[in-house]
Amino acid sequence: MALDLKVGSLVELKKQHPCGSKEFTITRTGADVKFKCNNCGRVIMLDRETAEKRIKKFL
């Protein structure tokens, strides 16, 4: 079942970013999902299927 991903949502991912943070903000949705790290500001982009698997919870 597809998650309801919205721009501006805060999420916690299962794996932490190399900077040590697990909290990300969704900045783009569609076939790909773009996340921005809330600690260091780095942007990562994942395909939707992978992003839905890696999201642990919505904050």
PDB file of N, CA and C in Angstrom:
ATOM      1  N   MET A   1       0.840  -1.182   0.000  1.00  0.00           N
ATOM      2  CA  MET A   1       0.000   0.000   0.000  1.00  0.00           C
ATOM      3  C   MET A   1       0.889   1.252   0.000  1.00  0.00           C
ATOM      4  N   ALA A   2       0.561   2.206  -0.815  1.00  0.00           N
ATOM      5  CA  ALA A   2       1.364   3.420  -0.962  1.00  0.00           C
ATOM      6  C   ALA A   2       1.197   4.338   0.252  1.00  0.00           C
ATOM      7  N   LEU A   3       2.304   4.922   0.668  1.00  0.00           N
ATOM      8  CA  LEU A   3       2.269   5.886   1.758  1.00  0.00           C
ATOM      9  C   LEU A   3       1.808   7.234   1.223  1.00  0.00           C
ATOM     10  N   ASP A   4       1.237   8.038   2.094  1.00  0.00           N
ATOM     11  CA  ASP A   4       0.792   9.375   1.716  1.00  0.00           C
ATOM     12  C   ASP A   4       1.948  10.353   1.944  1.00  0.00           C
ATOM     13  N   LEU A   5       2.819  10.472   0.949  1.00  0.00           N
ATOM     14  CA  LEU A   5       3.988  11.345   1.049  1.00  0.00           C
ATOM     15  C   LEU A   5       3.619  12.745   0.582  1.00  0.00           C
ATOM     16  N   LYS A   6       3.870  13.737   1.435  1.00  0.00           N
ATOM     17  CA  LYS A   6       3.553  15.122   1.099  1.00  0.00           C
ATOM     18  C   LYS A   6       4.792  15.986   1.294  1.00  0.00           C
ATOM     19  N   VAL A   7       4.938  16.984   0.439  1.00  0.00           N
ATOM     20  CA  VAL A   7       6.053  17.928   0.553  1.00  0.00           C
ATOM     21  C   VAL A   7       5.949  18.639   1.899  1.00  0.00           C
ATOM     22  N   GLY A   8       7.065  18.711   2.597  1.00  0.00           N
ATOM     23  CA  GLY A   8       7.105  19.368   3.901  1.00  0.00           C
ATOM     24  C   GLY A   8       6.953  18.424   5.077  1.00  0.00           C
ATOM     25  N   SER A   9       6.631  17.151   4.820  1.00  0.00           N
ATOM     26  CA  SER A   9       6.479  16.175   5.902  1.00  0.00           C
ATOM     27  C   SER A   9       7.839  15.838   6.497  1.00  0.00           C
ATOM     28  N   LEU A  10       7.877  15.693   7.818  1.00  0.00           N
ATOM     29  CA  LEU A  10       9.084  15.257   8.508  1.00  0.00           C
ATOM     30  C   LEU A  10       8.999  13.754   8.692  1.00  0.00           C
ATOM     31  N   VAL A  11      10.069  13.038   8.324  1.00  0.00           N
ATOM     32  CA  VAL A  11      10.085  11.583   8.439  1.00  0.00           C
ATOM     33  C   VAL A  11      11.370  11.127   9.112  1.00  0.00           C
ATOM     34  N   GLU A  12      11.302   9.937   9.698  1.00  0.00           N
ATOM     35  CA  GLU A  12      12.486   9.282  10.240  1.00  0.00           C
ATOM     36  C   GLU A  12      12.748   8.066   9.377  1.00  0.00           C
ATOM     37  N   LEU A  13      13.975   7.948   8.866  1.00  0.00           N
ATOM     38  CA  LEU A  13      14.343   6.811   8.035  1.00  0.00           C
ATOM     39  C   LEU A  13      14.972   5.719   8.892  1.00  0.00           C
ATOM     40  N   LYS A  14      14.971   4.486   8.370  1.00  0.00           N
ATOM     41  CA  LYS A  14      15.522   3.353   9.111  1.00  0.00           C
ATOM     42  C   LYS A  14      17.029   3.463   9.291  1.00  0.00           C
ATOM     43  N   LYS A  15      17.735   3.916   8.255  1.00  0.00           N
ATOM     44  CA  LYS A  15      19.191   4.058   8.326  1.00  0.00           C
ATOM     45  C   LYS A  15      19.540   5.525   8.532  1.00  0.00           C
ATOM     46  N   GLN A  16      20.546   5.773   9.351  1.00  0.00           N
ATOM     47  CA  GLN A  16      20.931   7.164   9.577  1.00  0.00           C
ATOM     48  C   GLN A  16      21.857   7.671   8.479  1.00  0.00           C
ATOM     49  N   HIS A  17      21.844   8.970   8.300  1.00  0.00           N
ATOM     50  CA  HIS A  17      22.709   9.659   7.352  1.00  0.00           C
ATOM     51  C   HIS A  17      24.132   9.655   7.935  1.00  0.00           C
ATOM     52  N   PRO A  18      25.174   9.732   7.119  1.00  0.00           N
ATOM     53  CA  PRO A  18      26.545   9.757   7.653  1.00  0.00           C
ATOM     54  C   PRO A  18      26.799  10.858   8.691  1.00  0.00           C
ATOM     55  N   CYS A  19      26.018  11.924   8.685  1.00  0.00           N
ATOM     56  CA  CYS A  19      26.185  12.985   9.679  1.00  0.00           C
ATOM     57  C   CYS A  19      25.615  12.577  11.040  1.00  0.00           C
ATOM     58  N   GLY A  20      24.850  11.477  11.095  1.00  0.00           N
ATOM     59  CA  GLY A  20      24.310  10.977  12.357  1.00  0.00           C
ATOM     60  C   GLY A  20      22.824  11.197  12.548  1.00  0.00           C
ATOM     61  N   SER A  21      22.182  11.928  11.665  1.00  0.00           N
ATOM     62  CA  SER A  21      20.758  12.227  11.792  1.00  0.00           C
ATOM     63  C   SER A  21      19.906  11.205  11.047  1.00  0.00           C
ATOM     64  N   LYS A  22      18.717  10.922  11.590  1.00  0.00           N
ATOM     65  CA  LYS A  22      17.754  10.050  10.918  1.00  0.00           C
ATOM     66  C   LYS A  22      16.538  10.841  10.446  1.00  0.00           C
ATOM     67  N   GLU A  23      16.495  12.147  10.762  1.00  0.00           N
ATOM     68  CA  GLU A  23      15.336  12.976  10.445  1.00  0.00           C
ATOM     69  C   GLU A  23      15.537  13.720   9.132  1.00  0.00           C
ATOM     70  N   PHE A  24      14.540  13.614   8.258  1.00  0.00           N
ATOM     71  CA  PHE A  24      14.584  14.239   6.945  1.00  0.00           C
ATOM     72  C   PHE A  24      13.262  14.940   6.664  1.00  0.00           C
ATOM     73  N   THR A  25      13.309  15.937   5.785  1.00  0.00           N
ATOM     74  CA  THR A  25      12.122  16.633   5.303  1.00  0.00           C
ATOM     75  C   THR A  25      11.931  16.277   3.839  1.00  0.00           C
ATOM     76  N   ILE A  26      10.696  15.945   3.449  1.00  0.00           N
ATOM     77  CA  ILE A  26      10.402  15.638   2.051  1.00  0.00           C
ATOM     78  C   ILE A  26      10.286  16.958   1.295  1.00  0.00           C
ATOM     79  N   THR A  27      11.070  17.110   0.217  1.00  0.00           N
ATOM     80  CA  THR A  27      11.043  18.351  -0.560  1.00  0.00           C
ATOM     81  C   THR A  27      10.472  18.164  -1.958  1.00  0.00           C
ATOM     82  N   ARG A  28      10.283  16.913  -2.404  1.00  0.00           N
ATOM     83  CA  ARG A  28       9.710  16.648  -3.729  1.00  0.00           C
ATOM     84  C   ARG A  28       9.122  15.251  -3.722  1.00  0.00           C
ATOM     85  N   THR A  29       7.981  15.093  -4.387  1.00  0.00           N
ATOM     86  CA  THR A  29       7.364  13.775  -4.522  1.00  0.00           C
ATOM     87  C   THR A  29       7.045  13.514  -5.984  1.00  0.00           C
ATOM     88  N   GLY A  30       6.730  12.287  -6.286  1.00  0.00           N
ATOM     89  CA  GLY A  30       6.434  11.865  -7.653  1.00  0.00           C
ATOM     90  C   GLY A  30       6.975  10.465  -7.826  1.00  0.00           C
ATOM     91  N   ALA A  31       7.518  10.152  -8.992  1.00  0.00           N
ATOM     92  CA  ALA A  31       8.141   8.848  -9.211  1.00  0.00           C
ATOM     93  C   ALA A  31       9.384   8.719  -8.336  1.00  0.00           C
ATOM     94  N   ASP A  32      10.039   9.847  -8.064  1.00  0.00           N
ATOM     95  CA  ASP A  32      11.181   9.905  -7.155  1.00  0.00           C
ATOM     96  C   ASP A  32      10.803  10.781  -5.973  1.00  0.00           C
ATOM     97  N   VAL A  33      11.450  10.549  -4.843  1.00  0.00           N
ATOM     98  CA  VAL A  33      11.203  11.351  -3.645  1.00  0.00           C
ATOM     99  C   VAL A  33      12.524  11.982  -3.233  1.00  0.00           C
ATOM    100  N   LYS A  34      12.491  13.287  -2.985  1.00  0.00           N
ATOM    101  CA  LYS A  34      13.699  14.013  -2.590  1.00  0.00           C
ATOM    102  C   LYS A  34      13.588  14.349  -1.105  1.00  0.00           C
ATOM    103  N   PHE A  35      14.654  14.016  -0.370  1.00  0.00           N
ATOM    104  CA  PHE A  35      14.719  14.283   1.060  1.00  0.00           C
ATOM    105  C   PHE A  35      15.837  15.273   1.336  1.00  0.00           C
ATOM    106  N   LYS A  36      15.640  16.109   2.366  1.00  0.00           N
ATOM    107  CA  LYS A  36      16.685  17.019   2.827  1.00  0.00           C
ATOM    108  C   LYS A  36      16.980  16.677   4.281  1.00  0.00           C
ATOM    109  N   CYS A  37      18.252  16.427   4.583  1.00  0.00           N
ATOM    110  CA  CYS A  37      18.659  16.091   5.945  1.00  0.00           C
ATOM    111  C   CYS A  37      18.428  17.308   6.850  1.00  0.00           C
ATOM    112  N   ASN A  38      17.791  17.085   7.996  1.00  0.00           N
ATOM    113  CA  ASN A  38      17.503  18.192   8.907  1.00  0.00           C
ATOM    114  C   ASN A  38      18.724  18.614   9.721  1.00  0.00           C
ATOM    115  N   ASN A  39      19.791  17.820   9.692  1.00  0.00           N
ATOM    116  CA  ASN A  39      20.992  18.153  10.454  1.00  0.00           C
ATOM    117  C   ASN A  39      22.008  18.916   9.604  1.00  0.00           C
ATOM    118  N   CYS A  40      22.393  18.341   8.455  1.00  0.00           N
ATOM    119  CA  CYS A  40      23.462  18.953   7.652  1.00  0.00           C
ATOM    120  C   CYS A  40      22.956  19.636   6.377  1.00  0.00           C
ATOM    121  N   GLY A  41      21.697  19.399   5.986  1.00  0.00           N
ATOM    122  CA  GLY A  41      21.144  20.061   4.812  1.00  0.00           C
ATOM    123  C   GLY A  41      21.405  19.363   3.491  1.00  0.00           C
ATOM    124  N   ARG A  42      22.075  18.221   3.519  1.00  0.00           N
ATOM    125  CA  ARG A  42      22.363  17.464   2.293  1.00  0.00           C
ATOM    126  C   ARG A  42      21.060  16.927   1.709  1.00  0.00           C
ATOM    127  N   VAL A  43      20.974  16.900   0.380  1.00  0.00           N
ATOM    128  CA  VAL A  43      19.775  16.427  -0.314  1.00  0.00           C
ATOM    129  C   VAL A  43      20.055  15.053  -0.911  1.00  0.00           C
ATOM    130  N   ILE A  44      19.128  14.110  -0.687  1.00  0.00           N
ATOM    131  CA  ILE A  44      19.226  12.790  -1.307  1.00  0.00           C
ATOM    132  C   ILE A  44      17.940  12.521  -2.072  1.00  0.00           C
ATOM    133  N   MET A  45      18.043  11.726  -3.119  1.00  0.00           N
ATOM    134  CA  MET A  45      16.889  11.414  -3.950  1.00  0.00           C
ATOM    135  C   MET A  45      16.797   9.899  -4.100  1.00  0.00           C
ATOM    136  N   LEU A  46      15.628   9.352  -3.815  1.00  0.00           N
ATOM    137  CA  LEU A  46      15.387   7.916  -3.911  1.00  0.00           C
ATOM    138  C   LEU A  46      14.165   7.675  -4.776  1.00  0.00           C
ATOM    139  N   ASP A  47      14.134   6.517  -5.458  1.00  0.00           N
ATOM    140  CA  ASP A  47      12.910   6.189  -6.177  1.00  0.00           C
ATOM    141  C   ASP A  47      11.821   5.904  -5.140  1.00  0.00           C
ATOM    142  N   ARG A  48      10.583   6.058  -5.525  1.00  0.00           N
ATOM    143  CA  ARG A  48       9.463   5.997  -4.589  1.00  0.00           C
ATOM    144  C   ARG A  48       9.400   4.670  -3.829  1.00  0.00           C
ATOM    145  N   GLU A  49       9.623   3.566  -4.528  1.00  0.00           N
ATOM    146  CA  GLU A  49       9.552   2.245  -3.897  1.00  0.00           C
ATOM    147  C   GLU A  49      10.587   2.115  -2.776  1.00  0.00           C
ATOM    148  N   THR A  50      11.813   2.527  -3.050  1.00  0.00           N
ATOM    149  CA  THR A  50      12.877   2.469  -2.045  1.00  0.00           C
ATOM    150  C   THR A  50      12.573   3.411  -0.885  1.00  0.00           C
ATOM    151  N   ALA A  51      12.090   4.603  -1.185  1.00  0.00           N
ATOM    152  CA  ALA A  51      11.776   5.583  -0.142  1.00  0.00           C
ATOM    153  C   ALA A  51      10.704   5.050   0.804  1.00  0.00           C
ATOM    154  N   GLU A  52       9.671   4.413   0.253  1.00  0.00           N
ATOM    155  CA  GLU A  52       8.596   3.879   1.092  1.00  0.00           C
ATOM    156  C   GLU A  52       9.105   2.761   1.998  1.00  0.00           C
ATOM    157  N   LYS A  53      10.071   1.987   1.534  1.00  0.00           N
ATOM    158  CA  LYS A  53      10.645   0.919   2.358  1.00  0.00           C
ATOM    159  C   LYS A  53      11.519   1.485   3.477  1.00  0.00           C
ATOM    160  N   ARG A  54      12.208   2.590   3.205  1.00  0.00           N
ATOM    161  CA  ARG A  54      13.163   3.143   4.174  1.00  0.00           C
ATOM    162  C   ARG A  54      12.534   4.046   5.224  1.00  0.00           C
ATOM    163  N   ILE A  55      11.301   4.495   5.009  1.00  0.00           N
ATOM    164  CA  ILE A  55      10.657   5.365   5.994  1.00  0.00           C
ATOM    165  C   ILE A  55      10.214   4.528   7.186  1.00  0.00           C
ATOM    166  N   LYS A  56      10.678   4.941   8.371  1.00  0.00           N
ATOM    167  CA  LYS A  56      10.325   4.238   9.602  1.00  0.00           C
ATOM    168  C   LYS A  56       9.042   4.813  10.191  1.00  0.00           C
ATOM    169  N   LYS A  57       8.965   6.155  10.282  1.00  0.00           N
ATOM    170  CA  LYS A  57       7.756   6.790  10.811  1.00  0.00           C
ATOM    171  C   LYS A  57       7.706   8.256  10.408  1.00  0.00           C
ATOM    172  N   PHE A  58       6.504   8.807  10.483  1.00  0.00           N
ATOM    173  CA  PHE A  58       6.290  10.231  10.242  1.00  0.00           C
ATOM    174  C   PHE A  58       6.366  10.948  11.581  1.00  0.00           C
ATOM    175  N   LEU A  59       7.046  12.100  11.600  1.00  0.00           N
ATOM    176  CA  LEU A  59       7.208  12.857  12.846  1.00  0.00           C
ATOM    177  C   LEU A  59       6.206  13.979  12.943  1.00  0.00           C
TER     178      LEU A  59
END
